[in-house]
Amino acid sequence: MTAANETAEAPKAPAAEVDEALNEEIIEAMKDVIDPELGVNVVDLGLVYGLNVDGSVITVDMTLTSAACPLTDVLEDQVASALEEFDREVRLNWVWMPPWGPDKITDDGRDQLRMLGFNV
């Protein structure tokens, strides 16, 4: 056996596990994106419909509480800022189907809304 063969490498995690861990980190970072009208993060509001990481590109499928929301640029800036730590291009894909509804809010989101005085 040569020295090269004796050098043990740490086992690498399967790609699916790495992808899942990265997705979880991205979702956690997206919790820094706060809906400017409701004051709750977009993840717990159920506004994030999907996430895809393809090489150097992160694509976020996201909706709004209302298609007529005038603050899309604010959310776009927040998403870019929240995900800049991943050093990838960020693409935000606005999705309108299915329409957002209060049923998409997580339990944590409901708790946050109640603390802000909303009746949910």
N, C-alpha and C. Protein backbone atom coordinates (compact mmCIF):
# COMPACT_ATOMS: atom_id res chain seq x y z
N MET A 1 0.84 -1.17 0.00
CA MET A 1 0.00 0.00 0.00
C MET A 1 0.89 1.24 0.00
N THR A 2 0.58 2.19 -0.85
CA THR A 2 1.35 3.43 -0.89
C THR A 2 0.74 4.44 0.07
N ALA A 3 1.49 5.49 0.34
CA ALA A 3 1.00 6.53 1.24
C ALA A 3 -0.28 7.17 0.71
N ALA A 4 -0.39 7.29 -0.58
CA ALA A 4 -1.59 7.89 -1.17
C ALA A 4 -2.81 7.05 -0.87
N ASN A 5 -2.64 5.73 -0.88
CA ASN A 5 -3.78 4.85 -0.61
C ASN A 5 -4.14 4.83 0.87
N GLU A 6 -3.19 5.13 1.73
CA GLU A 6 -3.45 5.08 3.16
C GLU A 6 -4.14 6.34 3.67
N THR A 7 -4.11 7.40 2.89
CA THR A 7 -4.73 8.65 3.32
C THR A 7 -6.24 8.49 3.27
N ALA A 8 -6.85 8.58 4.41
CA ALA A 8 -8.31 8.42 4.46
C ALA A 8 -8.99 9.76 4.24
N GLU A 9 -9.98 9.74 3.40
CA GLU A 9 -10.78 10.95 3.18
C GLU A 9 -12.06 10.82 3.98
N ALA A 10 -12.52 11.93 4.46
CA ALA A 10 -13.80 11.91 5.17
C ALA A 10 -14.88 11.53 4.17
N PRO A 11 -15.79 10.66 4.57
CA PRO A 11 -16.85 10.28 3.65
C PRO A 11 -17.68 11.51 3.27
N LYS A 12 -18.05 11.57 2.03
CA LYS A 12 -18.83 12.70 1.55
C LYS A 12 -20.31 12.37 1.68
N ALA A 13 -21.07 13.37 2.06
CA ALA A 13 -22.51 13.18 2.18
C ALA A 13 -23.09 13.02 0.78
N PRO A 14 -24.09 12.17 0.63
CA PRO A 14 -24.74 12.05 -0.67
C PRO A 14 -25.29 13.40 -1.13
N ALA A 15 -25.34 13.59 -2.44
CA ALA A 15 -25.79 14.87 -3.01
C ALA A 15 -27.16 15.27 -2.50
N ALA A 16 -28.06 14.30 -2.34
CA ALA A 16 -29.41 14.63 -1.88
C ALA A 16 -29.38 15.23 -0.49
N GLU A 17 -28.51 14.70 0.38
CA GLU A 17 -28.41 15.24 1.74
C GLU A 17 -27.82 16.64 1.73
N VAL A 18 -26.82 16.86 0.87
CA VAL A 18 -26.21 18.18 0.76
C VAL A 18 -27.25 19.17 0.25
N ASP A 19 -28.00 18.78 -0.79
CA ASP A 19 -29.03 19.64 -1.34
C ASP A 19 -30.09 19.97 -0.30
N GLU A 20 -30.51 18.97 0.46
CA GLU A 20 -31.53 19.19 1.49
C GLU A 20 -31.02 20.15 2.56
N ALA A 21 -29.77 19.97 2.97
CA ALA A 21 -29.19 20.86 3.98
C ALA A 21 -29.10 22.29 3.45
N LEU A 22 -28.70 22.45 2.20
CA LEU A 22 -28.62 23.78 1.59
C LEU A 22 -30.01 24.40 1.50
N ASN A 23 -30.99 23.61 1.08
CA ASN A 23 -32.37 24.12 1.00
C ASN A 23 -32.85 24.60 2.36
N GLU A 24 -32.54 23.85 3.41
CA GLU A 24 -32.95 24.24 4.76
C GLU A 24 -32.27 25.54 5.18
N GLU A 25 -31.00 25.70 4.82
CA GLU A 25 -30.28 26.94 5.14
C GLU A 25 -30.90 28.13 4.40
N ILE A 26 -31.28 27.90 3.15
CA ILE A 26 -31.89 28.97 2.36
C ILE A 26 -33.25 29.35 2.94
N ILE A 27 -34.05 28.35 3.29
CA ILE A 27 -35.36 28.63 3.89
C ILE A 27 -35.18 29.41 5.19
N GLU A 28 -34.20 29.02 5.99
CA GLU A 28 -33.94 29.74 7.24
C GLU A 28 -33.56 31.19 6.95
N ALA A 29 -32.73 31.40 5.93
CA ALA A 29 -32.34 32.77 5.56
C ALA A 29 -33.54 33.57 5.06
N MET A 30 -34.46 32.89 4.39
CA MET A 30 -35.66 33.57 3.88
C MET A 30 -36.56 34.07 5.02
N LYS A 31 -36.36 33.55 6.22
CA LYS A 31 -37.14 34.03 7.36
C LYS A 31 -36.74 35.45 7.75
N ASP A 32 -35.65 35.96 7.16
CA ASP A 32 -35.26 37.36 7.36
C ASP A 32 -36.04 38.30 6.44
N VAL A 33 -36.79 37.73 5.51
CA VAL A 33 -37.59 38.54 4.58
C VAL A 33 -38.96 38.76 5.22
N ILE A 34 -39.24 40.01 5.56
CA ILE A 34 -40.46 40.35 6.30
C ILE A 34 -41.46 41.01 5.37
N ASP A 35 -42.68 40.49 5.35
CA ASP A 35 -43.74 41.13 4.57
C ASP A 35 -43.97 42.52 5.15
N PRO A 36 -43.79 43.56 4.33
CA PRO A 36 -43.86 44.93 4.85
C PRO A 36 -45.25 45.35 5.32
N GLU A 37 -46.28 44.66 4.87
CA GLU A 37 -47.64 45.02 5.29
C GLU A 37 -48.06 44.30 6.56
N LEU A 38 -47.63 43.04 6.71
CA LEU A 38 -48.08 42.24 7.85
C LEU A 38 -47.04 42.12 8.96
N GLY A 39 -45.77 42.36 8.66
CA GLY A 39 -44.74 42.31 9.68
C GLY A 39 -44.32 40.91 10.10
N VAL A 40 -44.60 39.92 9.26
CA VAL A 40 -44.25 38.52 9.54
C VAL A 40 -43.41 38.02 8.37
N ASN A 41 -42.50 37.10 8.64
CA ASN A 41 -41.63 36.61 7.56
C ASN A 41 -42.41 35.83 6.51
N VAL A 42 -41.88 35.84 5.29
CA VAL A 42 -42.58 35.26 4.14
C VAL A 42 -42.67 33.74 4.22
N VAL A 43 -41.76 33.10 4.94
CA VAL A 43 -41.82 31.65 5.08
C VAL A 43 -43.02 31.27 5.94
N ASP A 44 -43.14 31.90 7.11
CA ASP A 44 -44.25 31.56 8.01
C ASP A 44 -45.60 32.05 7.50
N LEU A 45 -45.59 33.04 6.62
CA LEU A 45 -46.84 33.45 5.98
C LEU A 45 -47.26 32.48 4.89
N GLY A 46 -46.37 31.58 4.50
CA GLY A 46 -46.68 30.62 3.45
C GLY A 46 -46.56 31.21 2.05
N LEU A 47 -45.76 32.25 1.92
CA LEU A 47 -45.61 32.90 0.62
C LEU A 47 -44.54 32.25 -0.25
N VAL A 48 -43.68 31.43 0.34
CA VAL A 48 -42.65 30.73 -0.44
C VAL A 48 -43.23 29.40 -0.90
N TYR A 49 -43.43 29.29 -2.21
CA TYR A 49 -44.04 28.10 -2.79
C TYR A 49 -43.02 27.05 -3.22
N GLY A 50 -41.82 27.48 -3.53
CA GLY A 50 -40.83 26.51 -3.98
C GLY A 50 -39.44 27.11 -3.99
N LEU A 51 -38.47 26.21 -4.05
CA LEU A 51 -37.07 26.60 -4.00
C LEU A 51 -36.29 25.61 -4.84
N ASN A 52 -35.40 26.12 -5.68
CA ASN A 52 -34.56 25.24 -6.49
C ASN A 52 -33.15 25.81 -6.54
N VAL A 53 -32.18 24.95 -6.28
CA VAL A 53 -30.78 25.35 -6.42
C VAL A 53 -30.21 24.54 -7.57
N ASP A 54 -29.77 25.24 -8.60
CA ASP A 54 -29.19 24.59 -9.77
C ASP A 54 -27.83 25.22 -10.03
N GLY A 55 -26.79 24.56 -9.52
CA GLY A 55 -25.45 25.09 -9.68
C GLY A 55 -25.29 26.42 -8.96
N SER A 56 -25.06 27.47 -9.73
CA SER A 56 -24.82 28.78 -9.14
C SER A 56 -26.06 29.66 -9.09
N VAL A 57 -27.24 29.05 -9.28
CA VAL A 57 -28.48 29.82 -9.31
C VAL A 57 -29.47 29.30 -8.27
N ILE A 58 -30.00 30.22 -7.46
CA ILE A 58 -31.09 29.90 -6.53
C ILE A 58 -32.35 30.52 -7.12
N THR A 59 -33.38 29.70 -7.35
CA THR A 59 -34.66 30.20 -7.83
C THR A 59 -35.68 30.03 -6.72
N VAL A 60 -36.33 31.11 -6.36
CA VAL A 60 -37.36 31.09 -5.33
C VAL A 60 -38.70 31.36 -5.99
N ASP A 61 -39.64 30.41 -5.85
CA ASP A 61 -41.01 30.61 -6.30
C ASP A 61 -41.78 31.17 -5.12
N MET A 62 -42.36 32.33 -5.33
CA MET A 62 -42.99 33.04 -4.22
C MET A 62 -44.24 33.75 -4.71
N THR A 63 -45.18 33.93 -3.82
CA THR A 63 -46.40 34.65 -4.14
C THR A 63 -46.55 35.81 -3.17
N LEU A 64 -47.63 36.53 -3.32
CA LEU A 64 -47.95 37.66 -2.45
C LEU A 64 -49.33 37.43 -1.85
N THR A 65 -49.62 38.14 -0.77
CA THR A 65 -50.95 38.03 -0.18
C THR A 65 -52.00 38.60 -1.12
N SER A 66 -51.57 39.50 -2.00
CA SER A 66 -52.45 40.10 -3.00
C SER A 66 -51.64 40.39 -4.25
N ALA A 67 -52.18 40.03 -5.41
CA ALA A 67 -51.47 40.29 -6.67
C ALA A 67 -51.28 41.78 -6.91
N ALA A 68 -52.08 42.60 -6.25
CA ALA A 68 -51.99 44.05 -6.42
C ALA A 68 -51.03 44.70 -5.42
N CYS A 69 -50.26 43.90 -4.71
CA CYS A 69 -49.33 44.43 -3.71
C CYS A 69 -48.36 45.42 -4.36
N PRO A 70 -48.29 46.64 -3.83
CA PRO A 70 -47.39 47.64 -4.42
C PRO A 70 -45.95 47.53 -3.93
N LEU A 71 -45.65 46.56 -3.08
CA LEU A 71 -44.34 46.51 -2.44
C LEU A 71 -43.46 45.36 -2.93
N THR A 72 -43.69 44.90 -4.16
CA THR A 72 -42.89 43.79 -4.68
C THR A 72 -41.41 44.13 -4.72
N ASP A 73 -41.08 45.38 -5.05
CA ASP A 73 -39.67 45.76 -5.13
C ASP A 73 -38.99 45.67 -3.76
N VAL A 74 -39.73 45.98 -2.70
CA VAL A 74 -39.19 45.88 -1.34
C VAL A 74 -38.87 44.41 -1.03
N LEU A 75 -39.80 43.53 -1.37
CA LEU A 75 -39.58 42.10 -1.12
C LEU A 75 -38.43 41.56 -1.98
N GLU A 76 -38.35 41.99 -3.23
CA GLU A 76 -37.26 41.55 -4.10
C GLU A 76 -35.91 41.94 -3.51
N ASP A 77 -35.81 43.16 -3.01
CA ASP A 77 -34.56 43.62 -2.38
C ASP A 77 -34.24 42.81 -1.13
N GLN A 78 -35.27 42.52 -0.32
CA GLN A 78 -35.05 41.74 0.90
C GLN A 78 -34.59 40.32 0.58
N VAL A 79 -35.20 39.71 -0.44
CA VAL A 79 -34.80 38.35 -0.83
C VAL A 79 -33.34 38.35 -1.27
N ALA A 80 -32.97 39.31 -2.12
CA ALA A 80 -31.58 39.39 -2.59
C ALA A 80 -30.62 39.56 -1.41
N SER A 81 -30.96 40.40 -0.47
CA SER A 81 -30.10 40.63 0.71
C SER A 81 -30.02 39.38 1.59
N ALA A 82 -31.15 38.73 1.80
CA ALA A 82 -31.18 37.56 2.67
C ALA A 82 -30.37 36.40 2.10
N LEU A 83 -30.30 36.31 0.78
CA LEU A 83 -29.63 35.16 0.15
C LEU A 83 -28.23 35.47 -0.37
N GLU A 84 -27.74 36.69 -0.18
CA GLU A 84 -26.43 37.03 -0.72
C GLU A 84 -25.30 36.22 -0.08
N GLU A 85 -25.51 35.73 1.14
CA GLU A 85 -24.48 34.93 1.80
C GLU A 85 -24.17 33.63 1.06
N PHE A 86 -25.08 33.18 0.18
CA PHE A 86 -24.88 31.92 -0.53
C PHE A 86 -24.04 32.09 -1.80
N ASP A 87 -23.70 33.32 -2.14
CA ASP A 87 -22.82 33.62 -3.27
C ASP A 87 -23.29 32.94 -4.56
N ARG A 88 -24.59 33.08 -4.82
CA ARG A 88 -25.19 32.54 -6.04
C ARG A 88 -26.11 33.60 -6.63
N GLU A 89 -26.38 33.45 -7.91
CA GLU A 89 -27.38 34.32 -8.53
C GLU A 89 -28.75 33.96 -7.94
N VAL A 90 -29.54 34.97 -7.62
CA VAL A 90 -30.87 34.74 -7.06
C VAL A 90 -31.91 35.18 -8.08
N ARG A 91 -32.83 34.26 -8.37
CA ARG A 91 -33.94 34.56 -9.27
C ARG A 91 -35.23 34.41 -8.48
N LEU A 92 -36.04 35.42 -8.53
CA LEU A 92 -37.33 35.40 -7.84
C LEU A 92 -38.41 35.24 -8.89
N ASN A 93 -39.19 34.19 -8.76
CA ASN A 93 -40.24 33.86 -9.70
C ASN A 93 -41.59 34.07 -9.01
N TRP A 94 -42.32 35.12 -9.41
CA TRP A 94 -43.62 35.38 -8.81
C TRP A 94 -44.63 34.37 -9.35
N VAL A 95 -45.31 33.70 -8.44
CA VAL A 95 -46.27 32.65 -8.77
C VAL A 95 -47.65 33.07 -8.27
N TRP A 96 -48.66 32.90 -9.10
CA TRP A 96 -50.01 33.34 -8.71
C TRP A 96 -50.98 32.18 -8.52
N MET A 97 -50.59 30.99 -8.91
CA MET A 97 -51.45 29.83 -8.74
C MET A 97 -50.69 28.78 -7.95
N PRO A 98 -51.25 28.18 -6.95
CA PRO A 98 -52.57 28.52 -6.43
C PRO A 98 -52.52 29.86 -5.70
N PRO A 99 -53.67 30.54 -5.64
CA PRO A 99 -53.69 31.81 -4.93
C PRO A 99 -53.37 31.60 -3.45
N TRP A 100 -52.70 32.59 -2.87
CA TRP A 100 -52.39 32.52 -1.45
C TRP A 100 -53.67 32.67 -0.64
N GLY A 101 -53.72 32.01 0.50
CA GLY A 101 -54.83 32.16 1.44
C GLY A 101 -54.31 31.95 2.85
N PRO A 102 -55.08 32.36 3.84
CA PRO A 102 -54.65 32.23 5.24
C PRO A 102 -54.35 30.79 5.66
N ASP A 103 -54.88 29.82 4.93
CA ASP A 103 -54.60 28.42 5.25
C ASP A 103 -53.13 28.06 5.06
N LYS A 104 -52.39 28.87 4.35
CA LYS A 104 -50.97 28.60 4.09
C LYS A 104 -50.05 29.11 5.22
N ILE A 105 -50.60 29.86 6.16
CA ILE A 105 -49.80 30.41 7.26
C ILE A 105 -49.44 29.28 8.24
N THR A 106 -48.18 29.23 8.63
CA THR A 106 -47.74 28.21 9.60
C THR A 106 -48.26 28.57 11.00
N ASP A 107 -48.15 27.62 11.91
CA ASP A 107 -48.54 27.89 13.30
C ASP A 107 -47.71 29.03 13.88
N ASP A 108 -46.40 29.03 13.57
CA ASP A 108 -45.54 30.13 14.04
C ASP A 108 -46.00 31.46 13.46
N GLY A 109 -46.38 31.45 12.19
CA GLY A 109 -46.87 32.66 11.55
C GLY A 109 -48.14 33.17 12.21
N ARG A 110 -49.02 32.24 12.56
CA ARG A 110 -50.27 32.62 13.24
C ARG A 110 -49.97 33.24 14.61
N ASP A 111 -49.02 32.64 15.32
CA ASP A 111 -48.62 33.19 16.62
C ASP A 111 -48.07 34.61 16.47
N GLN A 112 -47.23 34.80 15.45
CA GLN A 112 -46.65 36.13 15.21
C GLN A 112 -47.74 37.14 14.87
N LEU A 113 -48.69 36.74 14.04
CA LEU A 113 -49.78 37.65 13.68
C LEU A 113 -50.63 38.00 14.89
N ARG A 114 -50.90 37.02 15.75
CA ARG A 114 -51.68 37.29 16.97
C ARG A 114 -50.95 38.29 17.86
N MET A 115 -49.62 38.15 17.96
CA MET A 115 -48.85 39.08 18.79
C MET A 115 -48.91 40.50 18.22
N LEU A 116 -49.13 40.60 16.91
CA LEU A 116 -49.24 41.91 16.26
C LEU A 116 -50.67 42.44 16.29
N GLY A 117 -51.59 41.65 16.88
CA GLY A 117 -52.96 42.12 17.02
C GLY A 117 -53.94 41.60 15.99
N PHE A 118 -53.49 40.70 15.10
CA PHE A 118 -54.39 40.12 14.11
C PHE A 118 -55.18 38.98 14.73
N ASN A 119 -56.39 38.78 14.26
CA ASN A 119 -57.24 37.70 14.74
C ASN A 119 -57.20 36.57 13.71
N VAL A 120 -56.34 35.59 13.95
CA VAL A 120 -56.23 34.46 13.02
C VAL A 120 -56.39 33.14 13.75
